[in-house]
N, C-alpha and C. Protein backbone atom coordinates (compact mmCIF):
# COMPACT_ATOMS: atom_id res chain seq x y z
N MET A 1 -47.55 -47.84 -72.22
CA MET A 1 -48.82 -47.55 -72.45
C MET A 1 -49.02 -46.17 -71.65
N LEU A 2 -49.42 -45.44 -72.13
CA LEU A 2 -49.52 -43.85 -71.95
C LEU A 2 -50.65 -43.70 -70.92
N THR A 3 -50.56 -43.19 -69.86
CA THR A 3 -51.39 -42.95 -68.88
C THR A 3 -51.86 -41.69 -68.42
N ILE A 4 -52.99 -41.17 -68.89
CA ILE A 4 -53.50 -39.84 -68.70
C ILE A 4 -54.65 -39.61 -67.02
N LEU A 5 -54.11 -38.61 -66.48
CA LEU A 5 -54.88 -38.43 -65.36
C LEU A 5 -55.13 -37.02 -65.38
N GLY A 6 -56.93 -37.44 -65.12
CA GLY A 6 -57.56 -36.24 -64.92
C GLY A 6 -59.10 -36.89 -65.90
N ARG A 7 -60.16 -35.82 -65.18
CA ARG A 7 -61.50 -36.17 -65.22
C ARG A 7 -61.90 -35.83 -67.01
N ALA A 8 -62.61 -36.77 -67.60
CA ALA A 8 -62.74 -36.71 -69.11
C ALA A 8 -63.95 -35.10 -69.03
N SER A 9 -64.30 -34.78 -68.24
CA SER A 9 -65.06 -33.48 -68.29
C SER A 9 -64.08 -31.87 -68.36
N SER A 10 -63.06 -32.15 -67.93
CA SER A 10 -62.32 -31.16 -67.84
C SER A 10 -61.60 -30.82 -69.71
N ILE A 11 -61.77 -29.68 -69.61
CA ILE A 11 -61.66 -29.18 -70.99
C ILE A 11 -59.92 -29.06 -71.72
N ASN A 12 -59.50 -29.13 -70.59
CA ASN A 12 -57.89 -29.21 -71.00
C ASN A 12 -57.77 -30.64 -71.22
N VAL A 13 -58.15 -31.42 -70.14
CA VAL A 13 -58.11 -32.85 -70.06
C VAL A 13 -58.52 -33.92 -72.01
N ARG A 14 -59.44 -32.61 -72.19
CA ARG A 14 -60.41 -33.13 -73.67
C ARG A 14 -59.49 -32.63 -74.48
N LYS A 15 -58.59 -31.54 -74.57
CA LYS A 15 -57.24 -31.43 -75.68
C LYS A 15 -56.32 -32.38 -75.87
N VAL A 16 -56.09 -33.20 -74.72
CA VAL A 16 -55.21 -34.25 -74.86
C VAL A 16 -55.77 -35.51 -75.48
N LEU A 17 -57.17 -35.58 -74.72
CA LEU A 17 -58.14 -36.70 -75.35
C LEU A 17 -58.00 -36.80 -76.94
N PHE A 18 -58.71 -35.41 -77.31
CA PHE A 18 -58.33 -35.21 -78.67
C PHE A 18 -57.24 -35.50 -79.49
N THR A 19 -56.19 -34.94 -79.15
CA THR A 19 -54.83 -34.79 -79.61
C THR A 19 -54.40 -36.56 -80.03
N CYS A 20 -55.09 -37.28 -79.06
CA CYS A 20 -54.91 -38.48 -78.98
C CYS A 20 -55.45 -39.21 -79.57
N ALA A 21 -56.95 -38.99 -79.99
CA ALA A 21 -57.61 -39.31 -80.98
C ALA A 21 -56.88 -39.00 -82.49
N GLU A 22 -56.48 -38.09 -82.87
CA GLU A 22 -55.96 -37.52 -83.85
C GLU A 22 -54.62 -38.34 -84.11
N LEU A 23 -53.97 -38.67 -83.42
CA LEU A 23 -52.78 -39.41 -83.52
C LEU A 23 -52.76 -40.99 -83.13
N GLY A 24 -53.99 -41.47 -83.01
CA GLY A 24 -54.13 -43.08 -82.97
C GLY A 24 -53.33 -43.30 -81.70
N ILE A 25 -53.26 -42.66 -80.60
CA ILE A 25 -52.71 -43.14 -79.73
C ILE A 25 -53.44 -44.16 -78.32
N ASP A 26 -53.31 -45.17 -77.98
CA ASP A 26 -53.76 -45.74 -77.13
C ASP A 26 -53.23 -44.95 -75.68
N TYR A 27 -54.41 -45.10 -74.67
CA TYR A 27 -53.89 -44.48 -73.34
C TYR A 27 -54.70 -45.08 -72.50
N GLU A 28 -54.51 -44.80 -71.19
CA GLU A 28 -55.37 -45.50 -70.19
C GLU A 28 -55.63 -44.01 -69.33
N LEU A 29 -56.49 -43.81 -69.05
CA LEU A 29 -57.25 -42.41 -68.43
C LEU A 29 -57.65 -42.97 -66.95
N GLU A 30 -57.24 -42.24 -65.95
CA GLU A 30 -57.34 -42.42 -64.71
C GLU A 30 -57.94 -41.10 -64.08
N GLU A 31 -59.29 -40.84 -63.70
CA GLU A 31 -60.20 -40.15 -63.59
C GLU A 31 -59.83 -39.24 -61.98
N TRP A 32 -58.79 -38.62 -62.18
CA TRP A 32 -58.31 -38.09 -61.01
C TRP A 32 -59.03 -36.74 -60.97
N GLY A 33 -59.37 -36.06 -59.91
CA GLY A 33 -59.96 -34.83 -60.04
C GLY A 33 -61.76 -35.25 -59.88
N ALA A 34 -62.32 -36.29 -59.73
CA ALA A 34 -63.41 -37.14 -59.85
C ALA A 34 -63.25 -37.99 -58.38
N GLY A 35 -64.83 -38.21 -57.77
CA GLY A 35 -64.86 -39.31 -56.93
C GLY A 35 -63.80 -39.53 -56.16
N GLU A 36 -62.98 -39.99 -55.66
CA GLU A 36 -61.82 -40.50 -54.44
C GLU A 36 -60.35 -40.14 -55.07
N LEU A 37 -60.16 -40.06 -56.03
CA LEU A 37 -59.36 -39.56 -56.60
C LEU A 37 -58.86 -37.97 -56.57
N SER A 38 -58.94 -37.34 -55.42
CA SER A 38 -58.47 -36.09 -55.32
C SER A 38 -57.48 -35.68 -55.74
N LEU A 39 -57.17 -34.04 -56.09
CA LEU A 39 -56.21 -33.75 -56.96
C LEU A 39 -55.01 -33.24 -55.67
N ASP A 40 -55.65 -33.31 -54.45
CA ASP A 40 -55.01 -33.10 -53.02
C ASP A 40 -54.16 -34.01 -52.79
N ASP A 41 -54.22 -35.21 -53.18
CA ASP A 41 -53.76 -36.66 -52.63
C ASP A 41 -52.23 -36.51 -52.94
N PRO A 42 -51.42 -36.59 -51.93
CA PRO A 42 -49.89 -36.55 -51.86
C PRO A 42 -49.43 -37.22 -53.35
N ALA A 43 -50.32 -38.16 -53.66
CA ALA A 43 -49.98 -39.16 -54.77
C ALA A 43 -49.90 -38.01 -56.13
N PHE A 44 -50.77 -37.48 -56.32
CA PHE A 44 -50.97 -36.46 -57.29
C PHE A 44 -50.33 -35.43 -57.16
N LEU A 45 -49.98 -34.70 -55.76
CA LEU A 45 -49.53 -33.53 -56.12
C LEU A 45 -47.89 -34.14 -56.12
N ALA A 46 -47.13 -35.20 -56.05
CA ALA A 46 -46.14 -35.67 -56.21
C ALA A 46 -45.79 -35.66 -58.02
N LEU A 47 -46.73 -35.12 -58.60
CA LEU A 47 -46.77 -35.42 -60.12
C LEU A 47 -47.11 -34.28 -60.23
N ASN A 48 -47.96 -33.18 -59.93
CA ASN A 48 -47.91 -31.95 -60.21
C ASN A 48 -48.60 -31.13 -59.06
N PRO A 49 -47.55 -30.26 -58.69
CA PRO A 49 -47.60 -29.48 -57.25
C PRO A 49 -48.84 -28.30 -57.65
N ASN A 50 -49.28 -28.32 -58.75
CA ASN A 50 -50.31 -26.94 -58.90
C ASN A 50 -51.71 -27.84 -58.76
N ALA A 51 -51.65 -29.20 -58.37
CA ALA A 51 -53.14 -29.81 -57.90
C ALA A 51 -53.98 -29.31 -59.25
N ARG A 52 -53.95 -29.62 -60.55
CA ARG A 52 -54.37 -29.31 -61.43
C ARG A 52 -54.23 -30.50 -63.10
N VAL A 53 -55.09 -30.57 -63.47
CA VAL A 53 -55.48 -31.66 -64.56
C VAL A 53 -55.00 -30.89 -65.82
N PRO A 54 -54.37 -31.34 -66.55
CA PRO A 54 -54.08 -33.06 -67.15
C PRO A 54 -52.56 -33.25 -66.42
N VAL A 55 -52.44 -34.50 -66.33
CA VAL A 55 -51.06 -35.00 -66.45
C VAL A 55 -50.59 -35.96 -66.73
N ILE A 56 -49.77 -36.50 -67.72
CA ILE A 56 -49.44 -37.63 -68.51
C ILE A 56 -48.47 -38.27 -67.71
N ARG A 57 -48.10 -39.49 -67.52
CA ARG A 57 -47.11 -40.84 -67.32
C ARG A 57 -46.52 -41.31 -68.82
N ASP A 58 -45.73 -41.42 -69.17
CA ASP A 58 -45.17 -42.19 -70.43
C ASP A 58 -44.06 -42.41 -69.83
N GLY A 59 -44.10 -43.86 -69.39
CA GLY A 59 -42.87 -44.71 -68.80
C GLY A 59 -42.69 -44.18 -67.40
N ASP A 60 -41.21 -43.62 -67.37
CA ASP A 60 -40.80 -42.76 -66.23
C ASP A 60 -41.09 -41.34 -66.27
N PHE A 61 -41.26 -40.85 -67.40
CA PHE A 61 -41.55 -39.50 -68.16
C PHE A 61 -43.21 -39.06 -67.42
N VAL A 62 -42.83 -37.92 -66.85
CA VAL A 62 -44.30 -37.24 -66.41
C VAL A 62 -44.16 -35.52 -66.73
N LEU A 63 -45.13 -35.10 -67.25
CA LEU A 63 -45.45 -33.97 -67.95
C LEU A 63 -47.06 -33.49 -67.45
N PHE A 64 -47.00 -32.05 -67.08
CA PHE A 64 -48.24 -31.46 -66.81
C PHE A 64 -48.25 -30.30 -67.67
N GLU A 65 -49.12 -29.56 -67.80
CA GLU A 65 -49.88 -28.51 -68.98
C GLU A 65 -50.36 -28.92 -69.95
N SER A 66 -51.90 -28.70 -70.05
CA SER A 66 -52.23 -29.38 -71.38
C SER A 66 -51.42 -29.04 -72.77
N ASN A 67 -51.52 -27.87 -73.05
CA ASN A 67 -50.61 -27.68 -74.64
C ASN A 67 -49.19 -28.40 -74.31
N ALA A 68 -48.51 -28.42 -73.19
CA ALA A 68 -47.17 -28.81 -73.15
C ALA A 68 -47.39 -30.30 -73.62
N ILE A 69 -48.27 -31.17 -73.08
CA ILE A 69 -48.73 -32.25 -73.49
C ILE A 69 -49.02 -32.57 -74.84
N CYS A 70 -49.65 -31.57 -75.25
CA CYS A 70 -50.18 -32.03 -76.78
C CYS A 70 -48.84 -31.65 -77.62
N ARG A 71 -48.14 -30.98 -77.35
CA ARG A 71 -47.21 -30.58 -78.05
C ARG A 71 -46.02 -31.61 -78.35
N TYR A 72 -46.06 -32.07 -77.00
CA TYR A 72 -45.01 -33.78 -76.79
C TYR A 72 -45.38 -34.88 -77.45
N LEU A 73 -46.82 -34.84 -77.35
CA LEU A 73 -47.36 -36.36 -78.21
C LEU A 73 -46.84 -36.30 -79.51
N ALA A 74 -47.65 -34.79 -79.96
CA ALA A 74 -47.35 -34.62 -81.56
C ALA A 74 -46.40 -35.11 -82.20
N ALA A 75 -45.14 -34.56 -81.53
CA ALA A 75 -43.77 -34.69 -81.70
C ALA A 75 -43.38 -35.87 -81.72
N ARG A 76 -43.96 -36.79 -80.57
CA ARG A 76 -43.18 -37.76 -80.29
C ARG A 76 -43.91 -39.21 -81.56
N GLU A 77 -45.39 -38.64 -81.84
CA GLU A 77 -45.84 -39.74 -82.44
C GLU A 77 -46.35 -39.21 -84.09
N GLY A 78 -46.95 -37.91 -84.27
CA GLY A 78 -46.88 -37.23 -85.50
C GLY A 78 -45.90 -37.48 -86.64
N ASP A 79 -46.82 -37.08 -87.63
CA ASP A 79 -45.88 -37.27 -88.98
C ASP A 79 -45.73 -35.51 -90.00
N GLY A 80 -45.86 -34.73 -88.53
CA GLY A 80 -45.19 -33.43 -88.86
C GLY A 80 -46.93 -32.38 -89.42
N ASN A 81 -47.79 -33.29 -89.28
CA ASN A 81 -49.33 -32.72 -89.57
C ASN A 81 -49.59 -31.77 -88.69
N LEU A 82 -49.65 -32.20 -87.11
CA LEU A 82 -50.50 -31.55 -86.18
C LEU A 82 -49.58 -30.74 -85.79
N LEU A 83 -48.04 -30.88 -85.83
CA LEU A 83 -47.38 -29.71 -85.13
C LEU A 83 -45.84 -29.85 -86.39
N PRO A 84 -45.57 -29.12 -87.06
CA PRO A 84 -45.05 -29.14 -88.10
C PRO A 84 -43.32 -29.19 -87.34
N ALA A 85 -42.21 -29.74 -88.27
CA ALA A 85 -41.16 -29.96 -87.86
C ALA A 85 -40.05 -28.73 -88.07
N ASP A 86 -40.55 -27.74 -89.11
CA ASP A 86 -40.11 -26.61 -89.46
C ASP A 86 -40.36 -25.66 -88.20
N PRO A 87 -38.88 -25.01 -87.80
CA PRO A 87 -39.18 -24.00 -86.98
C PRO A 87 -40.37 -22.86 -86.70
N ARG A 88 -40.11 -22.36 -88.25
CA ARG A 88 -41.10 -21.31 -88.48
C ARG A 88 -42.36 -21.89 -88.37
N GLN A 89 -42.61 -22.60 -89.14
CA GLN A 89 -44.22 -23.35 -89.39
C GLN A 89 -44.72 -23.81 -87.84
N ARG A 90 -44.00 -24.82 -87.00
CA ARG A 90 -44.15 -25.06 -85.73
C ARG A 90 -44.61 -23.77 -84.66
N ALA A 91 -43.72 -22.89 -85.00
CA ALA A 91 -43.78 -21.12 -84.10
C ALA A 91 -45.12 -20.57 -84.26
N LEU A 92 -45.90 -20.77 -85.64
CA LEU A 92 -46.91 -20.23 -86.19
C LEU A 92 -48.18 -21.15 -85.39
N VAL A 93 -48.01 -22.21 -85.24
CA VAL A 93 -49.26 -23.13 -84.62
C VAL A 93 -48.61 -22.74 -83.29
N GLU A 94 -47.59 -22.40 -82.52
CA GLU A 94 -47.64 -22.64 -80.85
C GLU A 94 -48.27 -21.34 -80.47
N GLN A 95 -48.26 -20.28 -81.60
CA GLN A 95 -48.51 -19.15 -81.25
C GLN A 95 -49.71 -19.10 -81.21
N TRP A 96 -50.74 -19.49 -81.99
CA TRP A 96 -52.19 -19.46 -81.39
C TRP A 96 -52.46 -20.65 -80.13
N MET A 97 -51.60 -21.38 -80.06
CA MET A 97 -51.58 -22.60 -78.78
C MET A 97 -51.63 -20.92 -77.70
N ASP A 98 -50.64 -20.70 -77.54
CA ASP A 98 -50.03 -19.52 -76.39
C ASP A 98 -51.25 -18.61 -76.23
N TRP A 99 -51.32 -18.12 -77.24
CA TRP A 99 -52.67 -17.08 -77.63
C TRP A 99 -53.98 -17.65 -76.88
N GLN A 100 -54.26 -19.06 -77.06
CA GLN A 100 -55.40 -19.51 -76.26
C GLN A 100 -55.28 -19.82 -74.97
N ALA A 101 -54.19 -19.97 -74.55
CA ALA A 101 -53.85 -20.36 -73.07
C ALA A 101 -54.04 -19.14 -72.05
N THR A 102 -53.43 -17.89 -73.03
CA THR A 102 -53.60 -16.40 -72.32
C THR A 102 -54.51 -15.67 -72.43
N GLU A 103 -54.54 -15.14 -73.84
CA GLU A 103 -55.80 -14.27 -74.48
C GLU A 103 -57.47 -14.69 -74.20
N LEU A 104 -57.05 -15.87 -75.16
CA LEU A 104 -58.45 -16.42 -75.19
C LEU A 104 -59.42 -16.79 -74.05
N ASP A 105 -58.23 -17.62 -72.89
CA ASP A 105 -58.97 -18.36 -72.23
C ASP A 105 -59.43 -17.19 -70.65
N ASN A 106 -58.33 -16.11 -70.98
CA ASN A 106 -59.15 -14.87 -69.98
C ASN A 106 -59.99 -14.28 -70.53
N ALA A 107 -60.40 -14.48 -71.85
CA ALA A 107 -61.48 -13.81 -72.29
C ALA A 107 -62.98 -14.36 -71.68
N TRP A 108 -62.90 -15.41 -72.04
CA TRP A 108 -64.03 -16.34 -72.18
C TRP A 108 -64.24 -17.02 -70.41
N ARG A 109 -63.33 -16.97 -69.64
CA ARG A 109 -63.83 -17.54 -68.33
C ARG A 109 -64.78 -17.20 -67.48
N TYR A 110 -64.73 -15.87 -67.24
CA TYR A 110 -65.74 -15.34 -66.24
C TYR A 110 -67.36 -15.36 -66.72
N ALA A 111 -67.57 -15.50 -67.99
CA ALA A 111 -68.91 -15.57 -68.72
C ALA A 111 -68.89 -16.84 -68.53
N PHE A 112 -68.57 -17.70 -68.74
CA PHE A 112 -68.68 -19.27 -68.81
C PHE A 112 -69.05 -19.57 -67.30
N MET A 113 -68.26 -19.67 -66.38
CA MET A 113 -68.40 -19.57 -64.91
C MET A 113 -69.46 -19.19 -64.49
N ALA A 114 -69.93 -18.12 -64.90
CA ALA A 114 -71.19 -17.46 -64.71
C ALA A 114 -72.82 -18.42 -65.19
N LEU A 115 -72.71 -18.20 -66.46
CA LEU A 115 -73.47 -18.45 -67.54
C LEU A 115 -73.94 -20.21 -67.35
N VAL A 116 -72.92 -20.96 -67.70
CA VAL A 116 -72.70 -22.10 -67.77
C VAL A 116 -72.64 -23.20 -66.57
N ARG A 117 -71.49 -22.76 -65.81
CA ARG A 117 -71.45 -23.08 -64.51
C ARG A 117 -71.88 -22.86 -63.26
N LYS A 118 -72.85 -21.27 -63.40
CA LYS A 118 -73.59 -20.99 -62.52
C LYS A 118 -73.04 -20.78 -60.98
N SER A 119 -71.43 -20.30 -61.11
CA SER A 119 -70.62 -19.98 -60.03
C SER A 119 -71.11 -18.94 -59.33
N ASP A 120 -71.41 -19.11 -57.60
CA ASP A 120 -71.78 -17.98 -57.05
C ASP A 120 -70.34 -16.55 -57.14
N ARG A 121 -69.64 -17.25 -57.09
CA ARG A 121 -68.73 -16.20 -57.47
C ARG A 121 -68.02 -15.66 -58.86
N HIS A 122 -69.28 -15.59 -59.57
CA HIS A 122 -69.29 -15.31 -61.01
C HIS A 122 -70.46 -14.54 -61.34
N ALA A 123 -70.95 -13.75 -60.17
CA ALA A 123 -72.07 -13.08 -60.04
C ALA A 123 -72.48 -11.70 -60.89
N ASP A 124 -71.43 -11.11 -61.18
CA ASP A 124 -71.05 -9.48 -61.48
C ASP A 124 -71.63 -9.35 -62.55
N ALA A 125 -72.74 -8.83 -62.92
CA ALA A 125 -73.79 -8.28 -64.30
C ALA A 125 -72.30 -7.68 -64.89
N ALA A 126 -72.15 -6.58 -64.51
CA ALA A 126 -70.78 -6.07 -65.22
C ALA A 126 -69.68 -6.70 -65.89
N ALA A 127 -69.43 -7.60 -65.15
CA ALA A 127 -68.11 -8.41 -65.51
C ALA A 127 -68.46 -9.94 -66.21
N ILE A 128 -69.43 -10.22 -66.37
CA ILE A 128 -70.42 -11.03 -67.22
C ILE A 128 -70.16 -10.30 -68.33
N ASP A 129 -71.11 -9.25 -68.57
CA ASP A 129 -71.01 -8.27 -69.80
C ASP A 129 -69.78 -8.35 -70.40
N ALA A 130 -68.69 -7.80 -69.56
CA ALA A 130 -67.23 -7.63 -70.33
C ALA A 130 -66.87 -8.94 -70.92
N SER A 131 -67.12 -9.96 -70.36
CA SER A 131 -66.10 -11.26 -70.60
C SER A 131 -66.71 -11.41 -72.04
N VAL A 132 -68.21 -11.29 -72.19
CA VAL A 132 -68.75 -11.84 -73.48
C VAL A 132 -68.14 -10.93 -74.42
N SER A 133 -68.50 -9.69 -74.22
CA SER A 133 -67.68 -8.78 -74.99
C SER A 133 -66.25 -8.74 -75.46
N GLU A 134 -65.31 -9.35 -74.47
CA GLU A 134 -64.16 -9.74 -74.75
C GLU A 134 -63.99 -11.34 -75.61
N TRP A 135 -64.98 -12.09 -75.35
CA TRP A 135 -64.74 -13.30 -76.05
C TRP A 135 -65.54 -13.33 -77.05
N ASN A 136 -66.41 -12.34 -77.50
CA ASN A 136 -66.60 -12.32 -79.09
C ASN A 136 -65.78 -11.71 -79.64
N ARG A 137 -64.91 -10.57 -78.75
CA ARG A 137 -63.82 -9.69 -79.67
C ARG A 137 -62.47 -10.37 -80.11
N HIS A 138 -62.32 -11.83 -79.41
CA HIS A 138 -61.30 -12.53 -79.24
C HIS A 138 -61.93 -13.86 -80.66
N MET A 139 -62.88 -14.01 -80.65
CA MET A 139 -63.36 -14.61 -81.63
C MET A 139 -63.60 -14.15 -82.83
N ALA A 140 -63.65 -12.94 -83.12
CA ALA A 140 -63.70 -12.26 -83.85
C ALA A 140 -62.07 -12.51 -84.60
N MET A 141 -61.20 -12.25 -83.95
CA MET A 141 -59.70 -12.68 -84.56
C MET A 141 -59.53 -14.07 -84.93
N VAL A 142 -60.39 -14.63 -84.64
CA VAL A 142 -60.17 -16.25 -84.97
C VAL A 142 -60.98 -16.24 -86.33
N ASP A 143 -62.07 -15.61 -86.74
CA ASP A 143 -62.89 -15.18 -87.52
C ASP A 143 -62.26 -15.01 -88.88
N ASP A 144 -61.02 -13.74 -88.58
CA ASP A 144 -60.57 -12.95 -89.24
C ASP A 144 -59.62 -14.06 -90.26
N ALA A 145 -58.92 -14.78 -89.34
CA ALA A 145 -57.98 -15.77 -89.71
C ALA A 145 -58.21 -16.70 -90.23
N LEU A 146 -59.59 -17.34 -89.95
CA LEU A 146 -60.01 -18.36 -90.71
C LEU A 146 -60.33 -17.51 -92.07
N SER A 147 -61.03 -16.49 -92.36
CA SER A 147 -61.28 -15.69 -93.73
C SER A 147 -60.04 -15.94 -94.47
N ARG A 148 -58.72 -15.66 -94.17
CA ARG A 148 -57.77 -15.65 -94.81
C ARG A 148 -56.94 -16.90 -95.31
N THR A 149 -57.14 -18.08 -94.29
CA THR A 149 -56.69 -19.41 -94.55
C THR A 149 -57.47 -20.09 -95.18
N GLY A 150 -59.06 -19.76 -95.26
CA GLY A 150 -59.79 -20.80 -96.01
C GLY A 150 -60.68 -21.85 -95.20
N SER A 151 -60.03 -22.62 -94.39
CA SER A 151 -60.19 -23.75 -93.44
C SER A 151 -59.96 -23.65 -92.34
N TRP A 152 -58.83 -23.89 -91.96
CA TRP A 152 -57.90 -23.95 -90.73
C TRP A 152 -57.38 -23.06 -90.19
N LEU A 153 -56.68 -22.55 -88.73
CA LEU A 153 -55.94 -21.80 -88.60
C LEU A 153 -54.67 -21.34 -88.93
N ARG A 154 -54.02 -22.71 -89.58
CA ARG A 154 -53.15 -22.62 -90.52
C ARG A 154 -53.28 -22.95 -92.19
N PRO A 155 -52.99 -22.11 -92.98
CA PRO A 155 -53.49 -22.47 -94.30
C PRO A 155 -52.90 -24.11 -94.73
N ASP A 156 -52.14 -24.46 -94.12
CA ASP A 156 -51.22 -25.65 -94.51
C ASP A 156 -52.39 -27.06 -94.34
N GLY A 157 -53.07 -26.93 -93.50
CA GLY A 157 -54.09 -27.91 -92.51
C GLY A 157 -54.23 -27.67 -91.09
N PHE A 158 -55.43 -28.77 -90.76
CA PHE A 158 -55.51 -28.82 -89.40
C PHE A 158 -54.23 -29.10 -88.62
N THR A 159 -54.26 -28.31 -87.38
CA THR A 159 -53.03 -28.60 -86.75
C THR A 159 -53.27 -28.47 -84.98
N LEU A 160 -52.44 -28.91 -84.06
CA LEU A 160 -52.84 -28.43 -82.92
C LEU A 160 -53.55 -27.24 -82.50
N ALA A 161 -53.29 -26.19 -83.18
CA ALA A 161 -53.81 -25.08 -83.05
C ALA A 161 -55.43 -25.03 -83.13
N ASP A 162 -55.77 -25.48 -83.95
CA ASP A 162 -57.47 -26.12 -84.43
C ASP A 162 -57.88 -26.71 -83.03
N ILE A 163 -56.88 -27.74 -82.78
CA ILE A 163 -57.35 -28.80 -81.62
C ILE A 163 -57.66 -27.85 -80.16
N VAL A 164 -56.78 -27.00 -79.77
CA VAL A 164 -57.27 -26.12 -78.63
C VAL A 164 -58.09 -25.05 -78.71
N VAL A 165 -58.08 -24.16 -79.72
CA VAL A 165 -58.98 -23.24 -80.17
C VAL A 165 -60.41 -23.81 -80.22
N GLY A 166 -60.33 -25.07 -81.34
CA GLY A 166 -61.44 -25.88 -81.46
C GLY A 166 -62.45 -26.01 -80.47
N LEU A 167 -61.88 -26.74 -79.43
CA LEU A 167 -62.84 -26.62 -77.80
C LEU A 167 -63.29 -25.45 -77.17
N ILE A 168 -62.70 -24.61 -77.13
CA ILE A 168 -63.56 -23.19 -76.58
C ILE A 168 -64.41 -22.83 -77.86
N THR A 169 -64.15 -23.31 -79.52
CA THR A 169 -65.09 -22.31 -80.06
C THR A 169 -66.51 -23.15 -79.93
N HIS A 170 -66.13 -24.59 -79.21
CA HIS A 170 -67.63 -25.15 -78.99
C HIS A 170 -68.41 -24.48 -77.95
N ARG A 171 -67.57 -24.24 -76.82
CA ARG A 171 -67.95 -23.50 -75.60
C ARG A 171 -68.73 -21.92 -75.81
N TRP A 172 -68.18 -21.57 -77.12
CA TRP A 172 -68.77 -20.46 -77.55
C TRP A 172 -69.99 -20.18 -77.84
N PHE A 173 -70.10 -21.40 -78.84
CA PHE A 173 -71.53 -21.39 -79.71
C PHE A 173 -72.54 -22.40 -78.54
N MET A 174 -72.12 -23.13 -77.46
CA MET A 174 -72.86 -23.74 -76.39
C MET A 174 -73.54 -22.95 -75.10
N THR A 175 -72.56 -21.31 -75.01
CA THR A 175 -73.01 -20.90 -74.05
C THR A 175 -73.85 -19.89 -74.32
N PRO A 176 -75.09 -19.82 -73.08
CA PRO A 176 -76.10 -19.01 -73.56
C PRO A 176 -75.87 -17.46 -73.36
N MET A 177 -75.37 -16.91 -74.50
CA MET A 177 -75.12 -15.25 -74.68
C MET A 177 -75.37 -14.84 -75.77
N GLU A 178 -75.03 -13.39 -76.24
CA GLU A 178 -74.87 -12.93 -77.14
C GLU A 178 -73.78 -12.97 -77.91
N ARG A 179 -74.10 -13.68 -79.03
CA ARG A 179 -72.88 -14.06 -79.87
C ARG A 179 -72.95 -13.39 -80.97
N ASP A 180 -71.93 -12.42 -81.47
CA ASP A 180 -71.61 -11.74 -82.66
C ASP A 180 -71.59 -12.62 -84.15
N PRO A 181 -72.25 -12.43 -85.31
CA PRO A 181 -72.54 -13.31 -86.00
C PRO A 181 -70.80 -13.41 -86.87
N LEU A 182 -70.42 -14.73 -87.11
CA LEU A 182 -69.12 -14.58 -87.28
C LEU A 182 -69.08 -16.63 -88.48
N PRO A 183 -69.26 -15.73 -89.67
CA PRO A 183 -69.44 -16.69 -90.71
C PRO A 183 -68.16 -17.91 -90.78
N ALA A 184 -67.09 -17.06 -90.56
CA ALA A 184 -65.83 -17.95 -91.04
C ALA A 184 -65.89 -19.04 -89.62
N VAL A 185 -65.94 -18.59 -88.27
CA VAL A 185 -66.25 -19.12 -87.39
C VAL A 185 -67.32 -20.38 -87.57
N GLU A 186 -68.39 -20.19 -87.91
CA GLU A 186 -69.43 -20.66 -87.79
C GLU A 186 -69.10 -22.15 -89.11
N ALA A 187 -68.70 -21.90 -90.21
CA ALA A 187 -68.28 -22.79 -91.21
C ALA A 187 -66.74 -23.65 -90.45
N TYR A 188 -66.26 -23.17 -89.63
CA TYR A 188 -65.21 -23.76 -88.78
C TYR A 188 -65.63 -24.78 -88.10
N TYR A 189 -66.87 -24.57 -87.22
CA TYR A 189 -67.04 -25.36 -86.19
C TYR A 189 -67.67 -26.73 -87.12
N GLU A 190 -68.45 -26.40 -88.08
CA GLU A 190 -69.03 -27.42 -89.05
C GLU A 190 -68.02 -28.31 -89.48
N ARG A 191 -66.95 -27.71 -89.71
CA ARG A 191 -65.78 -28.83 -90.27
C ARG A 191 -65.08 -29.40 -88.80
N LEU A 192 -64.97 -28.79 -88.13
CA LEU A 192 -64.65 -29.30 -86.61
C LEU A 192 -65.30 -30.66 -86.41
N SER A 193 -66.68 -30.45 -86.51
CA SER A 193 -67.71 -31.40 -86.14
C SER A 193 -67.52 -32.61 -87.02
N GLU A 194 -66.96 -32.47 -87.97
CA GLU A 194 -66.91 -33.85 -88.99
C GLU A 194 -65.89 -34.44 -88.43
N ARG A 195 -64.88 -34.25 -87.53
CA ARG A 195 -63.79 -34.92 -87.18
C ARG A 195 -64.26 -35.90 -86.08
N PRO A 196 -63.95 -37.27 -86.34
CA PRO A 196 -64.46 -38.33 -85.22
C PRO A 196 -63.72 -37.70 -83.55
N GLY A 197 -62.39 -37.55 -83.44
CA GLY A 197 -62.11 -37.01 -81.94
C GLY A 197 -62.61 -35.69 -81.60
N PHE A 198 -63.16 -35.09 -82.27
CA PHE A 198 -64.20 -33.89 -81.76
C PHE A 198 -65.62 -34.24 -81.50
N GLN A 199 -66.05 -34.72 -82.58
CA GLN A 199 -67.46 -35.49 -82.01
C GLN A 199 -67.18 -36.12 -80.82
N ARG A 200 -66.41 -36.85 -80.13
CA ARG A 200 -66.42 -37.56 -79.13
C ARG A 200 -65.79 -36.67 -77.96
N PHE A 201 -64.85 -35.86 -78.19
CA PHE A 201 -64.48 -35.12 -77.05
C PHE A 201 -64.76 -33.31 -76.77
N GLY A 202 -65.38 -33.13 -78.19
CA GLY A 202 -65.73 -31.81 -78.47
C GLY A 202 -67.13 -31.85 -78.08
N VAL A 203 -67.93 -31.93 -79.36
CA VAL A 203 -69.30 -32.17 -79.48
C VAL A 203 -70.02 -32.80 -78.04
N ASP A 204 -69.74 -34.42 -77.52
CA ASP A 204 -69.98 -35.14 -77.14
C ASP A 204 -69.20 -34.83 -75.56
N GLY A 205 -68.34 -34.00 -75.54
CA GLY A 205 -67.64 -33.90 -74.52
C GLY A 205 -68.41 -32.94 -73.27
N GLY A 206 -69.09 -32.15 -74.22
CA GLY A 206 -70.05 -31.12 -72.98
C GLY A 206 -69.45 -30.16 -73.08
N PRO A 207 -70.11 -28.87 -72.66
CA PRO A 207 -69.58 -27.61 -72.49
C PRO A 207 -68.05 -27.66 -71.71
C-alpha cells in the first residue's frame, strides 16, 4: 500500500492525491504537518530533511518533491497517457511541470499569501500588485497554449501538466483580485471541473 505523508490542505499534496485519483491508486494518507504530526519530528526529517510535504513511502522506497512523486506514480502505474513514454512527448509534459514549479509558483505566491492566507509577512501593496500582474501574465501564457491545443496543455490529451497547472488555475479563480479575461483558461477550468479527481482535490480541496 502506498503511503502519502502530508496534510490534504496542501496544494502540493493535492497534486499527488489528484494523480492517484486519475490512476486509480489506493493509498493511506498520514496527515503530517497537521496536529501532532510535526514536520520537525526527527522521524519525518529522516524522510525529508527539507521538512516539507508531500513525501511518499512505497514499500522501502521513499520520495519527496510533489512533481517528482507525480512522475514516479504515472510511470509506475500509468498507460502512458499522463506521462508519455516517448522521450520528446514526455519532455513536453515535464516542461510544463518544471515551469509550474519555478516560474508560475514564483508569480502567484506573494499575492496568494497576502490575499487568501492574510499573511502579515506579505503586506506590501506594491509587491502584491506586482505578484497579481505576474500571475496574470503567466496565466496568459497558459491561455495562449490552450488556444493552440484546443483543450489541454498538450494536444494529445490530459496529462500531469494539467494536474499541476490545473490546481493553480483553481487558485487563480478563487483569489480575490483583478483577473485578465482569458477565455481559453475559463473553458479549461470548466473541463477540469468535470473530472472527479479535480472535483475532490481541486474545487473541494479549497484554495
